[in-house]
Amino acid sequence: SSATIYFPELESDTSQLPSIVLVGGWGCGEQVLAAWAPFLASHGIVAMTIGTPTPWKDAPPARSQALLDASMALQSEHTRAASPLFDRLDVSRRAVMGYSLGGGGAQLAALNDPTLKCSVAL
């Protein structure tokens, strides 16, 4: 599986940024929702696209876990000193998004993690 992080231009503004993790549907790699990530970043949201280990087999529960794991990995960038996102993520404003089976995963993620602020199922 793979992952890519997109983030807004980090200027002198030190405001905390929300984040979202995106996953595709059956048979889809991370590229299927990759167009959303730069769009979200251009609006001040840190976006992470992910693939899953077996995209032809991963059902919504596996995609849900992948979304939650990726969200926690992304949040760790907030405390990693060498990260461009160091001290920039608002760890209380996390979201997930998925398409098709990934949408089912996003819904399950919201049920399994009540700290998520938003779940988008396409």
PDB file of N, CA and C in Angstrom:
ATOM      1  N   SER A   1       0.837  -1.182   0.000  1.00  0.00           N
ATOM      2  CA  SER A   1       0.000   0.000   0.000  1.00  0.00           C
ATOM      3  C   SER A   1       0.881   1.244   0.000  1.00  0.00           C
ATOM      4  N   SER A   2       0.283   2.373  -0.254  1.00  0.00           N
ATOM      5  CA  SER A   2       1.028   3.619  -0.377  1.00  0.00           C
ATOM      6  C   SER A   2       0.251   4.752   0.270  1.00  0.00           C
ATOM      7  N   ALA A   3       0.937   5.879   0.451  1.00  0.00           N
ATOM      8  CA  ALA A   3       0.294   7.062   1.029  1.00  0.00           C
ATOM      9  C   ALA A   3       1.037   8.304   0.577  1.00  0.00           C
ATOM     10  N   THR A   4       0.287   9.394   0.404  1.00  0.00           N
ATOM     11  CA  THR A   4       0.864  10.685   0.041  1.00  0.00           C
ATOM     12  C   THR A   4       0.169  11.764   0.859  1.00  0.00           C
ATOM     13  N   ILE A   5       0.962  12.684   1.400  1.00  0.00           N
ATOM     14  CA  ILE A   5       0.411  13.789   2.188  1.00  0.00           C
ATOM     15  C   ILE A   5       0.495  15.078   1.377  1.00  0.00           C
ATOM     16  N   TYR A   6      -0.611  15.795   1.337  1.00  0.00           N
ATOM     17  CA  TYR A   6      -0.699  17.103   0.682  1.00  0.00           C
ATOM     18  C   TYR A   6      -1.042  18.127   1.757  1.00  0.00           C
ATOM     19  N   PHE A   7      -0.353  19.260   1.746  1.00  0.00           N
ATOM     20  CA  PHE A   7      -0.655  20.268   2.753  1.00  0.00           C
ATOM     21  C   PHE A   7      -0.573  21.658   2.143  1.00  0.00           C
ATOM     22  N   PRO A   8      -1.253  22.621   2.775  1.00  0.00           N
ATOM     23  CA  PRO A   8      -1.253  23.993   2.262  1.00  0.00           C
ATOM     24  C   PRO A   8       0.146  24.604   2.329  1.00  0.00           C
ATOM     25  N   GLU A   9       0.327  25.687   1.589  1.00  0.00           N
ATOM     26  CA  GLU A   9       1.552  26.465   1.712  1.00  0.00           C
ATOM     27  C   GLU A   9       1.663  26.909   3.161  1.00  0.00           C
ATOM     28  N   LEU A  10       2.793  26.620   3.781  1.00  0.00           N
ATOM     29  CA  LEU A  10       2.973  26.967   5.187  1.00  0.00           C
ATOM     30  C   LEU A  10       3.770  28.270   5.266  1.00  0.00           C
ATOM     31  N   GLU A  11       3.040  29.335   5.413  1.00  0.00           N
ATOM     32  CA  GLU A  11       3.668  30.654   5.502  1.00  0.00           C
ATOM     33  C   GLU A  11       3.883  31.003   6.962  1.00  0.00           C
ATOM     34  N   SER A  12       3.974  32.268   7.260  1.00  0.00           N
ATOM     35  CA  SER A  12       4.201  32.682   8.646  1.00  0.00           C
ATOM     36  C   SER A  12       2.982  32.443   9.528  1.00  0.00           C
ATOM     37  N   ASP A  13       1.833  32.209   8.905  1.00  0.00           N
ATOM     38  CA  ASP A  13       0.625  31.885   9.672  1.00  0.00           C
ATOM     39  C   ASP A  13       0.866  30.583  10.425  1.00  0.00           C
ATOM     40  N   THR A  14       0.648  30.598  11.711  1.00  0.00           N
ATOM     41  CA  THR A  14       0.893  29.399  12.516  1.00  0.00           C
ATOM     42  C   THR A  14      -0.394  28.743  12.999  1.00  0.00           C
ATOM     43  N   SER A  15      -1.490  28.987  12.296  1.00  0.00           N
ATOM     44  CA  SER A  15      -2.757  28.394  12.721  1.00  0.00           C
ATOM     45  C   SER A  15      -2.711  26.877  12.580  1.00  0.00           C
ATOM     46  N   GLN A  16      -3.506  26.220  13.406  1.00  0.00           N
ATOM     47  CA  GLN A  16      -3.600  24.770  13.398  1.00  0.00           C
ATOM     48  C   GLN A  16      -4.488  24.330  12.232  1.00  0.00           C
ATOM     49  N   LEU A  17      -4.092  23.273  11.547  1.00  0.00           N
ATOM     50  CA  LEU A  17      -4.778  22.816  10.346  1.00  0.00           C
ATOM     51  C   LEU A  17      -5.557  21.522  10.594  1.00  0.00           C
ATOM     52  N   PRO A  18      -6.780  21.421  10.059  1.00  0.00           N
ATOM     53  CA  PRO A  18      -7.519  20.159  10.129  1.00  0.00           C
ATOM     54  C   PRO A  18      -6.923  19.168   9.131  1.00  0.00           C
ATOM     55  N   SER A  19      -7.297  17.894   9.268  1.00  0.00           N
ATOM     56  CA  SER A  19      -6.780  16.883   8.343  1.00  0.00           C
ATOM     57  C   SER A  19      -7.863  15.896   7.945  1.00  0.00           C
ATOM     58  N   ILE A  20      -7.625  15.266   6.788  1.00  0.00           N
ATOM     59  CA  ILE A  20      -8.531  14.248   6.273  1.00  0.00           C
ATOM     60  C   ILE A  20      -7.710  13.169   5.581  1.00  0.00           C
ATOM     61  N   VAL A  21      -8.146  11.912   5.726  1.00  0.00           N
ATOM     62  CA  VAL A  21      -7.509  10.789   5.049  1.00  0.00           C
ATOM     63  C   VAL A  21      -8.521  10.218   4.064  1.00  0.00           C
ATOM     64  N   LEU A  22      -8.065   9.950   2.818  1.00  0.00           N
ATOM     65  CA  LEU A  22      -8.939   9.499   1.740  1.00  0.00           C
ATOM     66  C   LEU A  22      -8.526   8.119   1.246  1.00  0.00           C
ATOM     67  N   VAL A  23      -9.518   7.260   1.014  1.00  0.00           N
ATOM     68  CA  VAL A  23      -9.251   5.923   0.473  1.00  0.00           C
ATOM     69  C   VAL A  23     -10.255   5.615  -0.638  1.00  0.00           C
ATOM     70  N   GLY A  24      -9.792   4.863  -1.631  1.00  0.00           N
ATOM     71  CA  GLY A  24     -10.636   4.517  -2.770  1.00  0.00           C
ATOM     72  C   GLY A  24     -11.484   3.281  -2.550  1.00  0.00           C
ATOM     73  N   GLY A  25     -12.100   2.849  -3.628  1.00  0.00           N
ATOM     74  CA  GLY A  25     -13.004   1.711  -3.586  1.00  0.00           C
ATOM     75  C   GLY A  25     -12.358   0.424  -4.070  1.00  0.00           C
ATOM     76  N   TRP A  26     -13.203  -0.539  -4.412  1.00  0.00           N
ATOM     77  CA  TRP A  26     -12.774  -1.866  -4.829  1.00  0.00           C
ATOM     78  C   TRP A  26     -11.786  -1.773  -5.985  1.00  0.00           C
ATOM     79  N   GLY A  27     -10.627  -2.363  -5.804  1.00  0.00           N
ATOM     80  CA  GLY A  27      -9.622  -2.412  -6.857  1.00  0.00           C
ATOM     81  C   GLY A  27      -8.889  -1.103  -7.098  1.00  0.00           C
ATOM     82  N   CYS A  28      -9.157  -0.091  -6.317  1.00  0.00           N
ATOM     83  CA  CYS A  28      -8.562   1.230  -6.549  1.00  0.00           C
ATOM     84  C   CYS A  28      -7.345   1.463  -5.667  1.00  0.00           C
ATOM     85  N   GLY A  29      -6.331   2.037  -6.248  1.00  0.00           N
ATOM     86  CA  GLY A  29      -5.176   2.488  -5.481  1.00  0.00           C
ATOM     87  C   GLY A  29      -5.422   3.903  -4.986  1.00  0.00           C
ATOM     88  N   GLU A  30      -4.425   4.483  -4.377  1.00  0.00           N
ATOM     89  CA  GLU A  30      -4.604   5.811  -3.810  1.00  0.00           C
ATOM     90  C   GLU A  30      -4.847   6.884  -4.867  1.00  0.00           C
ATOM     91  N   GLN A  31      -4.453   6.642  -6.112  1.00  0.00           N
ATOM     92  CA  GLN A  31      -4.574   7.647  -7.153  1.00  0.00           C
ATOM     93  C   GLN A  31      -6.027   7.984  -7.503  1.00  0.00           C
ATOM     94  N   VAL A  32      -6.978   7.113  -7.180  1.00  0.00           N
ATOM     95  CA  VAL A  32      -8.367   7.343  -7.578  1.00  0.00           C
ATOM     96  C   VAL A  32      -8.961   8.598  -6.920  1.00  0.00           C
ATOM     97  N   LEU A  33      -8.520   8.932  -5.727  1.00  0.00           N
ATOM     98  CA  LEU A  33      -9.009  10.142  -5.060  1.00  0.00           C
ATOM     99  C   LEU A  33      -7.935  11.222  -4.963  1.00  0.00           C
ATOM    100  N   ALA A  34      -6.817  11.020  -5.673  1.00  0.00           N
ATOM    101  CA  ALA A  34      -5.690  11.946  -5.570  1.00  0.00           C
ATOM    102  C   ALA A  34      -6.043  13.365  -6.014  1.00  0.00           C
ATOM    103  N   ALA A  35      -6.990  13.544  -6.908  1.00  0.00           N
ATOM    104  CA  ALA A  35      -7.346  14.899  -7.348  1.00  0.00           C
ATOM    105  C   ALA A  35      -7.982  15.712  -6.214  1.00  0.00           C
ATOM    106  N   TRP A  36      -8.614  15.026  -5.281  1.00  0.00           N
ATOM    107  CA  TRP A  36      -9.231  15.730  -4.147  1.00  0.00           C
ATOM    108  C   TRP A  36      -8.196  16.331  -3.209  1.00  0.00           C
ATOM    109  N   ALA A  37      -7.068  15.660  -3.054  1.00  0.00           N
ATOM    110  CA  ALA A  37      -6.085  16.065  -2.044  1.00  0.00           C
ATOM    111  C   ALA A  37      -5.513  17.468  -2.288  1.00  0.00           C
ATOM    112  N   PRO A  38      -5.033  17.803  -3.496  1.00  0.00           N
ATOM    113  CA  PRO A  38      -4.539  19.165  -3.706  1.00  0.00           C
ATOM    114  C   PRO A  38      -5.652  20.206  -3.561  1.00  0.00           C
ATOM    115  N   PHE A  39      -6.866  19.835  -3.964  1.00  0.00           N
ATOM    116  CA  PHE A  39      -8.005  20.748  -3.807  1.00  0.00           C
ATOM    117  C   PHE A  39      -8.233  21.052  -2.328  1.00  0.00           C
ATOM    118  N   LEU A  40      -8.261  20.009  -1.499  1.00  0.00           N
ATOM    119  CA  LEU A  40      -8.466  20.202  -0.065  1.00  0.00           C
ATOM    120  C   LEU A  40      -7.317  20.994   0.547  1.00  0.00           C
ATOM    121  N   ALA A  41      -6.086  20.684   0.142  1.00  0.00           N
ATOM    122  CA  ALA A  41      -4.929  21.418   0.662  1.00  0.00           C
ATOM    123  C   ALA A  41      -5.004  22.896   0.286  1.00  0.00           C
ATOM    124  N   SER A  42      -5.519  23.192  -0.904  1.00  0.00           N
ATOM    125  CA  SER A  42      -5.631  24.598  -1.317  1.00  0.00           C
ATOM    126  C   SER A  42      -6.655  25.354  -0.484  1.00  0.00           C
ATOM    127  N   HIS A  43      -7.472  24.622   0.260  1.00  0.00           N
ATOM    128  CA  HIS A  43      -8.466  25.231   1.145  1.00  0.00           C
ATOM    129  C   HIS A  43      -8.070  25.104   2.624  1.00  0.00           C
ATOM    130  N   GLY A  44      -6.785  24.834   2.888  1.00  0.00           N
ATOM    131  CA  GLY A  44      -6.296  24.828   4.256  1.00  0.00           C
ATOM    132  C   GLY A  44      -6.467  23.536   5.018  1.00  0.00           C
ATOM    133  N   ILE A  45      -6.657  22.428   4.306  1.00  0.00           N
ATOM    134  CA  ILE A  45      -6.854  21.129   4.959  1.00  0.00           C
ATOM    135  C   ILE A  45      -5.707  20.205   4.559  1.00  0.00           C
ATOM    136  N   VAL A  46      -5.061  19.596   5.525  1.00  0.00           N
ATOM    137  CA  VAL A  46      -4.025  18.605   5.240  1.00  0.00           C
ATOM    138  C   VAL A  46      -4.731  17.327   4.797  1.00  0.00           C
ATOM    139  N   ALA A  47      -4.358  16.824   3.619  1.00  0.00           N
ATOM    140  CA  ALA A  47      -5.023  15.643   3.063  1.00  0.00           C
ATOM    141  C   ALA A  47      -4.008  14.531   2.815  1.00  0.00           C
ATOM    142  N   MET A  48      -4.408  13.322   3.162  1.00  0.00           N
ATOM    143  CA  MET A  48      -3.545  12.152   2.948  1.00  0.00           C
ATOM    144  C   MET A  48      -4.326  11.126   2.142  1.00  0.00           C
ATOM    145  N   THR A  49      -3.797  10.752   0.983  1.00  0.00           N
ATOM    146  CA  THR A  49      -4.411   9.675   0.204  1.00  0.00           C
ATOM    147  C   THR A  49      -3.694   8.378   0.549  1.00  0.00           C
ATOM    148  N   ILE A  50      -4.460   7.301   0.637  1.00  0.00           N
ATOM    149  CA  ILE A  50      -3.862   6.005   0.962  1.00  0.00           C
ATOM    150  C   ILE A  50      -4.357   4.929   0.007  1.00  0.00           C
ATOM    151  N   GLY A  51      -3.527   3.916  -0.157  1.00  0.00           N
ATOM    152  CA  GLY A  51      -3.939   2.695  -0.814  1.00  0.00           C
ATOM    153  C   GLY A  51      -4.149   1.642   0.270  1.00  0.00           C
ATOM    154  N   THR A  52      -4.605   0.487  -0.116  1.00  0.00           N
ATOM    155  CA  THR A  52      -4.758  -0.611   0.840  1.00  0.00           C
ATOM    156  C   THR A  52      -3.906  -1.784   0.364  1.00  0.00           C
ATOM    157  N   PRO A  53      -3.507  -2.681   1.258  1.00  0.00           N
ATOM    158  CA  PRO A  53      -2.602  -3.776   0.873  1.00  0.00           C
ATOM    159  C   PRO A  53      -3.160  -4.666  -0.245  1.00  0.00           C
ATOM    160  N   THR A  54      -4.447  -4.967  -0.197  1.00  0.00           N
ATOM    161  CA  THR A  54      -5.048  -5.826  -1.224  1.00  0.00           C
ATOM    162  C   THR A  54      -6.347  -5.174  -1.713  1.00  0.00           C
ATOM    163  N   PRO A  55      -6.229  -4.198  -2.625  1.00  0.00           N
ATOM    164  CA  PRO A  55      -7.412  -3.424  -3.030  1.00  0.00           C
ATOM    165  C   PRO A  55      -8.521  -4.235  -3.684  1.00  0.00           C
ATOM    166  N   TRP A  56      -8.203  -5.431  -4.197  1.00  0.00           N
ATOM    167  CA  TRP A  56      -9.244  -6.261  -4.803  1.00  0.00           C
ATOM    168  C   TRP A  56      -9.962  -7.110  -3.765  1.00  0.00           C
ATOM    169  N   LYS A  57      -9.456  -7.137  -2.536  1.00  0.00           N
ATOM    170  CA  LYS A  57     -10.040  -7.985  -1.499  1.00  0.00           C
ATOM    171  C   LYS A  57     -10.496  -7.226  -0.264  1.00  0.00           C
ATOM    172  N   ASP A  58      -9.946  -6.042  -0.016  1.00  0.00           N
ATOM    173  CA  ASP A  58     -10.230  -5.324   1.232  1.00  0.00           C
ATOM    174  C   ASP A  58     -11.674  -4.853   1.293  1.00  0.00           C
ATOM    175  N   ALA A  59     -12.419  -5.389   2.239  1.00  0.00           N
ATOM    176  CA  ALA A  59     -13.813  -5.001   2.475  1.00  0.00           C
ATOM    177  C   ALA A  59     -13.842  -3.743   3.354  1.00  0.00           C
ATOM    178  N   PRO A  60     -15.021  -3.151   3.556  1.00  0.00           N
ATOM    179  CA  PRO A  60     -15.109  -1.940   4.379  1.00  0.00           C
ATOM    180  C   PRO A  60     -14.433  -2.017   5.747  1.00  0.00           C
ATOM    181  N   PRO A  61     -14.513  -3.130   6.495  1.00  0.00           N
ATOM    182  CA  PRO A  61     -13.806  -3.136   7.785  1.00  0.00           C
ATOM    183  C   PRO A  61     -12.288  -2.935   7.653  1.00  0.00           C
ATOM    184  N   ALA A  62     -11.683  -3.532   6.640  1.00  0.00           N
ATOM    185  CA  ALA A  62     -10.238  -3.360   6.430  1.00  0.00           C
ATOM    186  C   ALA A  62      -9.924  -1.925   6.009  1.00  0.00           C
ATOM    187  N   ARG A  63     -10.786  -1.345   5.174  1.00  0.00           N
ATOM    188  CA  ARG A  63     -10.572   0.046   4.748  1.00  0.00           C
ATOM    189  C   ARG A  63     -10.784   1.007   5.907  1.00  0.00           C
ATOM    190  N   SER A  64     -11.725   0.686   6.780  1.00  0.00           N
ATOM    191  CA  SER A  64     -11.942   1.496   7.977  1.00  0.00           C
ATOM    192  C   SER A  64     -10.681   1.509   8.838  1.00  0.00           C
ATOM    193  N   GLN A  65     -10.114   0.339   9.067  1.00  0.00           N
ATOM    194  CA  GLN A  65      -8.902   0.260   9.882  1.00  0.00           C
ATOM    195  C   GLN A  65      -7.745   0.985   9.213  1.00  0.00           C
ATOM    196  N   ALA A  66      -7.647   0.866   7.885  1.00  0.00           N
ATOM    197  CA  ALA A  66      -6.591   1.572   7.154  1.00  0.00           C
ATOM    198  C   ALA A  66      -6.746   3.090   7.304  1.00  0.00           C
ATOM    199  N   LEU A  67      -7.987   3.582   7.226  1.00  0.00           N
ATOM    200  CA  LEU A  67      -8.237   5.014   7.411  1.00  0.00           C
ATOM    201  C   LEU A  67      -7.834   5.474   8.809  1.00  0.00           C
ATOM    202  N   LEU A  68      -8.233   4.710   9.824  1.00  0.00           N
ATOM    203  CA  LEU A  68      -7.920   5.088  11.207  1.00  0.00           C
ATOM    204  C   LEU A  68      -6.413   5.015  11.478  1.00  0.00           C
ATOM    205  N   ASP A  69      -5.762   3.978  10.969  1.00  0.00           N
ATOM    206  CA  ASP A  69      -4.311   3.864  11.148  1.00  0.00           C
ATOM    207  C   ASP A  69      -3.593   5.023  10.464  1.00  0.00           C
ATOM    208  N   ALA A  70      -4.018   5.350   9.243  1.00  0.00           N
ATOM    209  CA  ALA A  70      -3.391   6.446   8.506  1.00  0.00           C
ATOM    210  C   ALA A  70      -3.629   7.782   9.199  1.00  0.00           C
ATOM    211  N   SER A  71      -4.821   7.962   9.748  1.00  0.00           N
ATOM    212  CA  SER A  71      -5.117   9.213  10.453  1.00  0.00           C
ATOM    213  C   SER A  71      -4.201   9.373  11.663  1.00  0.00           C
ATOM    214  N   MET A  72      -3.975   8.300  12.394  1.00  0.00           N
ATOM    215  CA  MET A  72      -3.083   8.376  13.550  1.00  0.00           C
ATOM    216  C   MET A  72      -1.642   8.614  13.112  1.00  0.00           C
ATOM    217  N   ALA A  73      -1.236   7.983  12.011  1.00  0.00           N
ATOM    218  CA  ALA A  73       0.116   8.213  11.491  1.00  0.00           C
ATOM    219  C   ALA A  73       0.279   9.674  11.065  1.00  0.00           C
ATOM    220  N   LEU A  74      -0.741  10.215  10.426  1.00  0.00           N
ATOM    221  CA  LEU A  74      -0.698  11.623  10.023  1.00  0.00           C
ATOM    222  C   LEU A  74      -0.612  12.533  11.241  1.00  0.00           C
ATOM    223  N   GLN A  75      -1.356  12.225  12.270  1.00  0.00           N
ATOM    224  CA  GLN A  75      -1.330  13.055  13.478  1.00  0.00           C
ATOM    225  C   GLN A  75       0.043  13.038  14.143  1.00  0.00           C
ATOM    226  N   SER A  76       0.799  11.962  13.964  1.00  0.00           N
ATOM    227  CA  SER A  76       2.128  11.896  14.565  1.00  0.00           C
ATOM    228  C   SER A  76       3.078  12.927  13.954  1.00  0.00           C
ATOM    229  N   GLU A  77       2.746  13.426  12.757  1.00  0.00           N
ATOM    230  CA  GLU A  77       3.560  14.480  12.143  1.00  0.00           C
ATOM    231  C   GLU A  77       3.499  15.773  12.959  1.00  0.00           C
ATOM    232  N   HIS A  78       2.463  15.929  13.751  1.00  0.00           N
ATOM    233  CA  HIS A  78       2.303  17.122  14.595  1.00  0.00           C
ATOM    234  C   HIS A  78       3.402  17.200  15.656  1.00  0.00           C
ATOM    235  N   THR A  79       3.919  16.053  16.071  1.00  0.00           N
ATOM    236  CA  THR A  79       4.930  16.038  17.134  1.00  0.00           C
ATOM    237  C   THR A  79       6.315  15.614  16.642  1.00  0.00           C
ATOM    238  N   ARG A  80       6.454  15.339  15.355  1.00  0.00           N
ATOM    239  CA  ARG A  80       7.765  14.942  14.803  1.00  0.00           C
ATOM    240  C   ARG A  80       8.538  16.196  14.419  1.00  0.00           C
ATOM    241  N   ALA A  81       9.616  16.465  15.122  1.00  0.00           N
ATOM    242  CA  ALA A  81      10.349  17.730  14.976  1.00  0.00           C
ATOM    243  C   ALA A  81      10.791  18.028  13.548  1.00  0.00           C
ATOM    244  N   ALA A  82      11.132  17.031  12.759  1.00  0.00           N
ATOM    245  CA  ALA A  82      11.617  17.264  11.399  1.00  0.00           C
ATOM    246  C   ALA A  82      10.487  17.420  10.371  1.00  0.00           C
ATOM    247  N   SER A  83       9.265  17.285  10.796  1.00  0.00           N
ATOM    248  CA  SER A  83       8.125  17.348   9.879  1.00  0.00           C
ATOM    249  C   SER A  83       7.772  18.791   9.517  1.00  0.00           C
ATOM    250  N   PRO A  84       7.398  19.041   8.263  1.00  0.00           N
ATOM    251  CA  PRO A  84       6.899  20.380   7.917  1.00  0.00           C
ATOM    252  C   PRO A  84       5.562  20.682   8.609  1.00  0.00           C
ATOM    253  N   LEU A  85       4.936  19.652   9.154  1.00  0.00           N
ATOM    254  CA  LEU A  85       3.661  19.824   9.858  1.00  0.00           C
ATOM    255  C   LEU A  85       3.845  19.868  11.373  1.00  0.00           C
ATOM    256  N   PHE A  86       5.089  19.940  11.824  1.00  0.00           N
ATOM    257  CA  PHE A  86       5.365  19.995  13.255  1.00  0.00           C
ATOM    258  C   PHE A  86       4.611  21.156  13.898  1.00  0.00           C
ATOM    259  N   ASP A  87       3.825  20.826  14.910  1.00  0.00           N
ATOM    260  CA  ASP A  87       3.048  21.801  15.678  1.00  0.00           C
ATOM    261  C   ASP A  87       2.036  22.582  14.832  1.00  0.00           C
ATOM    262  N   ARG A  88       1.613  21.991  13.689  1.00  0.00           N
ATOM    263  CA  ARG A  88       0.679  22.677  12.794  1.00  0.00           C
ATOM    264  C   ARG A  88      -0.666  21.976  12.659  1.00  0.00           C
ATOM    265  N   LEU A  89      -0.766  20.720  13.089  1.00  0.00           N
ATOM    266  CA  LEU A  89      -2.022  19.985  12.947  1.00  0.00           C
ATOM    267  C   LEU A  89      -2.932  20.197  14.147  1.00  0.00           C
ATOM    268  N   ASP A  90      -4.194  20.411  13.864  1.00  0.00           N
ATOM    269  CA  ASP A  90      -5.192  20.438  14.927  1.00  0.00           C
ATOM    270  C   ASP A  90      -5.668  18.997  15.092  1.00  0.00           C
ATOM    271  N   VAL A  91      -5.103  18.312  16.055  1.00  0.00           N
ATOM    272  CA  VAL A  91      -5.384  16.884  16.223  1.00  0.00           C
ATOM    273  C   VAL A  91      -6.819  16.612  16.663  1.00  0.00           C
ATOM    274  N   SER A  92      -7.554  17.651  17.014  1.00  0.00           N
ATOM    275  CA  SER A  92      -8.960  17.464  17.388  1.00  0.00           C
ATOM    276  C   SER A  92      -9.890  17.602  16.180  1.00  0.00           C
ATOM    277  N   ARG A  93      -9.347  18.005  15.013  1.00  0.00           N
ATOM    278  CA  ARG A  93     -10.175  18.148  13.802  1.00  0.00           C
ATOM    279  C   ARG A  93      -9.673  17.194  12.730  1.00  0.00           C
ATOM    280  N   ARG A  94     -10.102  15.929  12.871  1.00  0.00           N
ATOM    281  CA  ARG A  94      -9.727  14.854  11.966  1.00  0.00           C
ATOM    282  C   ARG A  94     -10.951  14.369  11.208  1.00  0.00           C
ATOM    283  N   ALA A  95     -10.741  13.966   9.948  1.00  0.00           N
ATOM    284  CA  ALA A  95     -11.844  13.454   9.134  1.00  0.00           C
ATOM    285  C   ALA A  95     -11.338  12.315   8.260  1.00  0.00           C
ATOM    286  N   VAL A  96     -12.285  11.535   7.737  1.00  0.00           N
ATOM    287  CA  VAL A  96     -11.978  10.467   6.786  1.00  0.00           C
ATOM    288  C   VAL A  96     -12.945  10.573   5.620  1.00  0.00           C
ATOM    289  N   MET A  97     -12.505  10.050   4.470  1.00  0.00           N
ATOM    290  CA  MET A  97     -13.334  10.099   3.268  1.00  0.00           C
ATOM    291  C   MET A  97     -13.044   8.866   2.434  1.00  0.00           C
ATOM    292  N   GLY A  98     -14.075   8.282   1.853  1.00  0.00           N
ATOM    293  CA  GLY A  98     -13.884   7.121   1.010  1.00  0.00           C
ATOM    294  C   GLY A  98     -14.906   7.045  -0.104  1.00  0.00           C
ATOM    295  N   TYR A  99     -14.516   6.338  -1.156  1.00  0.00           N
ATOM    296  CA  TYR A  99     -15.355   6.130  -2.331  1.00  0.00           C
ATOM    297  C   TYR A  99     -15.705   4.646  -2.428  1.00  0.00           C
ATOM    298  N   SER A 100     -16.979   4.341  -2.712  1.00  0.00           N
ATOM    299  CA  SER A 100     -17.433   2.966  -2.887  1.00  0.00           C
ATOM    300  C   SER A 100     -17.138   2.152  -1.612  1.00  0.00           C
ATOM    301  N   LEU A 101     -16.358   1.077  -1.708  1.00  0.00           N
ATOM    302  CA  LEU A 101     -16.033   0.318  -0.500  1.00  0.00           C
ATOM    303  C   LEU A 101     -15.265   1.177   0.502  1.00  0.00           C
ATOM    304  N   GLY A 102     -14.525   2.149  -0.001  1.00  0.00           N
ATOM    305  CA  GLY A 102     -13.856   3.095   0.883  1.00  0.00           C
ATOM    306  C   GLY A 102     -14.856   3.965   1.626  1.00  0.00           C
ATOM    307  N   GLY A 103     -15.990   4.258   0.979  1.00  0.00           N
ATOM    308  CA  GLY A 103     -17.062   4.995   1.650  1.00  0.00           C
ATOM    309  C   GLY A 103     -17.642   4.193   2.793  1.00  0.00           C
ATOM    310  N   GLY A 104     -17.784   2.884   2.576  1.00  0.00           N
ATOM    311  CA  GLY A 104     -18.222   2.015   3.666  1.00  0.00           C
ATOM    312  C   GLY A 104     -17.203   2.014   4.793  1.00  0.00           C
ATOM    313  N   GLY A 105     -15.926   2.019   4.425  1.00  0.00           N
ATOM    314  CA  GLY A 105     -14.870   2.097   5.420  1.00  0.00           C
ATOM    315  C   GLY A 105     -14.918   3.397   6.197  1.00  0.00           C
ATOM    316  N   ALA A 106     -15.225   4.507   5.503  1.00  0.00           N
ATOM    317  CA  ALA A 106     -15.327   5.816   6.170  1.00  0.00           C
ATOM    318  C   ALA A 106     -16.480   5.821   7.172  1.00  0.00           C
ATOM    319  N   GLN A 107     -17.597   5.211   6.784  1.00  0.00           N
ATOM    320  CA  GLN A 107     -18.737   5.136   7.707  1.00  0.00           C
ATOM    321  C   GLN A 107     -18.395   4.298   8.936  1.00  0.00           C
ATOM    322  N   LEU A 108     -17.753   3.165   8.723  1.00  0.00           N
ATOM    323  CA  LEU A 108     -17.362   2.322   9.855  1.00  0.00           C
ATOM    324  C   LEU A 108     -16.333   3.024  10.740  1.00  0.00           C
ATOM    325  N   ALA A 109     -15.424   3.766  10.119  1.00  0.00           N
ATOM    326  CA  ALA A 109     -14.420   4.497  10.895  1.00  0.00           C
ATOM    327  C   ALA A 109     -15.101   5.485  11.843  1.00  0.00           C
ATOM    328  N   ALA A 110     -16.136   6.157  11.349  1.00  0.00           N
ATOM    329  CA  ALA A 110     -16.867   7.116  12.189  1.00  0.00           C
ATOM    330  C   ALA A 110     -17.560   6.406  13.354  1.00  0.00           C
ATOM    331  N   LEU A 111     -18.053   5.206  13.106  1.00  0.00           N
ATOM    332  CA  LEU A 111     -18.682   4.444  14.184  1.00  0.00           C
ATOM    333  C   LEU A 111     -17.653   3.970  15.209  1.00  0.00           C
ATOM    334  N   ASN A 112     -16.466   3.617  14.725  1.00  0.00           N
ATOM    335  CA  ASN A 112     -15.431   3.056  15.597  1.00  0.00           C
ATOM    336  C   ASN A 112     -14.586   4.107  16.308  1.00  0.00           C
ATOM    337  N   ASP A 113     -14.588   5.329  15.798  1.00  0.00           N
ATOM    338  CA  ASP A 113     -13.769   6.380  16.417  1.00  0.00           C
ATOM    339  C   ASP A 113     -14.602   7.647  16.578  1.00  0.00           C
ATOM    340  N   PRO A 114     -15.227   7.825  17.727  1.00  0.00           N
ATOM    341  CA  PRO A 114     -16.087   8.993  17.936  1.00  0.00           C
ATOM    342  C   PRO A 114     -15.330  10.320  17.983  1.00  0.00           C
ATOM    343  N   THR A 115     -13.992  10.281  17.982  1.00  0.00           N
ATOM    344  CA  THR A 115     -13.236  11.533  17.977  1.00  0.00           C
ATOM    345  C   THR A 115     -13.138  12.145  16.575  1.00  0.00           C
ATOM    346  N   LEU A 116     -13.506  11.386  15.534  1.00  0.00           N
ATOM    347  CA  LEU A 116     -13.529  11.952  14.181  1.00  0.00           C
ATOM    348  C   LEU A 116     -14.581  13.029  14.104  1.00  0.00           C
ATOM    349  N   LYS A 117     -14.263  14.141  13.467  1.00  0.00           N
ATOM    350  CA  LYS A 117     -15.217  15.248  13.342  1.00  0.00           C
ATOM    351  C   LYS A 117     -16.100  15.093  12.109  1.00  0.00           C
ATOM    352  N   CYS A 118     -15.643  14.319  11.112  1.00  0.00           N
ATOM    353  CA  CYS A 118     -16.406  14.221   9.869  1.00  0.00           C
ATOM    354  C   CYS A 118     -16.055  12.904   9.157  1.00  0.00           C
ATOM    355  N   SER A 119     -17.045  12.348   8.490  1.00  0.00           N
ATOM    356  CA  SER A 119     -16.858  11.186   7.643  1.00  0.00           C
ATOM    357  C   SER A 119     -17.615  11.451   6.347  1.00  0.00           C
ATOM    358  N   VAL A 120     -16.908  11.337   5.216  1.00  0.00           N
ATOM    359  CA  VAL A 120     -17.520  11.562   3.914  1.00  0.00           C
ATOM    360  C   VAL A 120     -17.507  10.244   3.152  1.00  0.00           C
ATOM    361  N   ALA A 121     -18.683   9.746   2.802  1.00  0.00           N
ATOM    362  CA  ALA A 121     -18.818   8.509   2.060  1.00  0.00           C
ATOM    363  C   ALA A 121     -19.375   8.829   0.678  1.00  0.00           C
ATOM    364  N   LEU A 122     -18.584   8.551  -0.351  1.00  0.00           N
ATOM    365  CA  LEU A 122     -19.011   8.806  -1.740  1.00  0.00           C
ATOM    366  C   LEU A 122     -19.402   7.519  -2.409  1.00  0.00           C
TER     367      LEU A 122
END
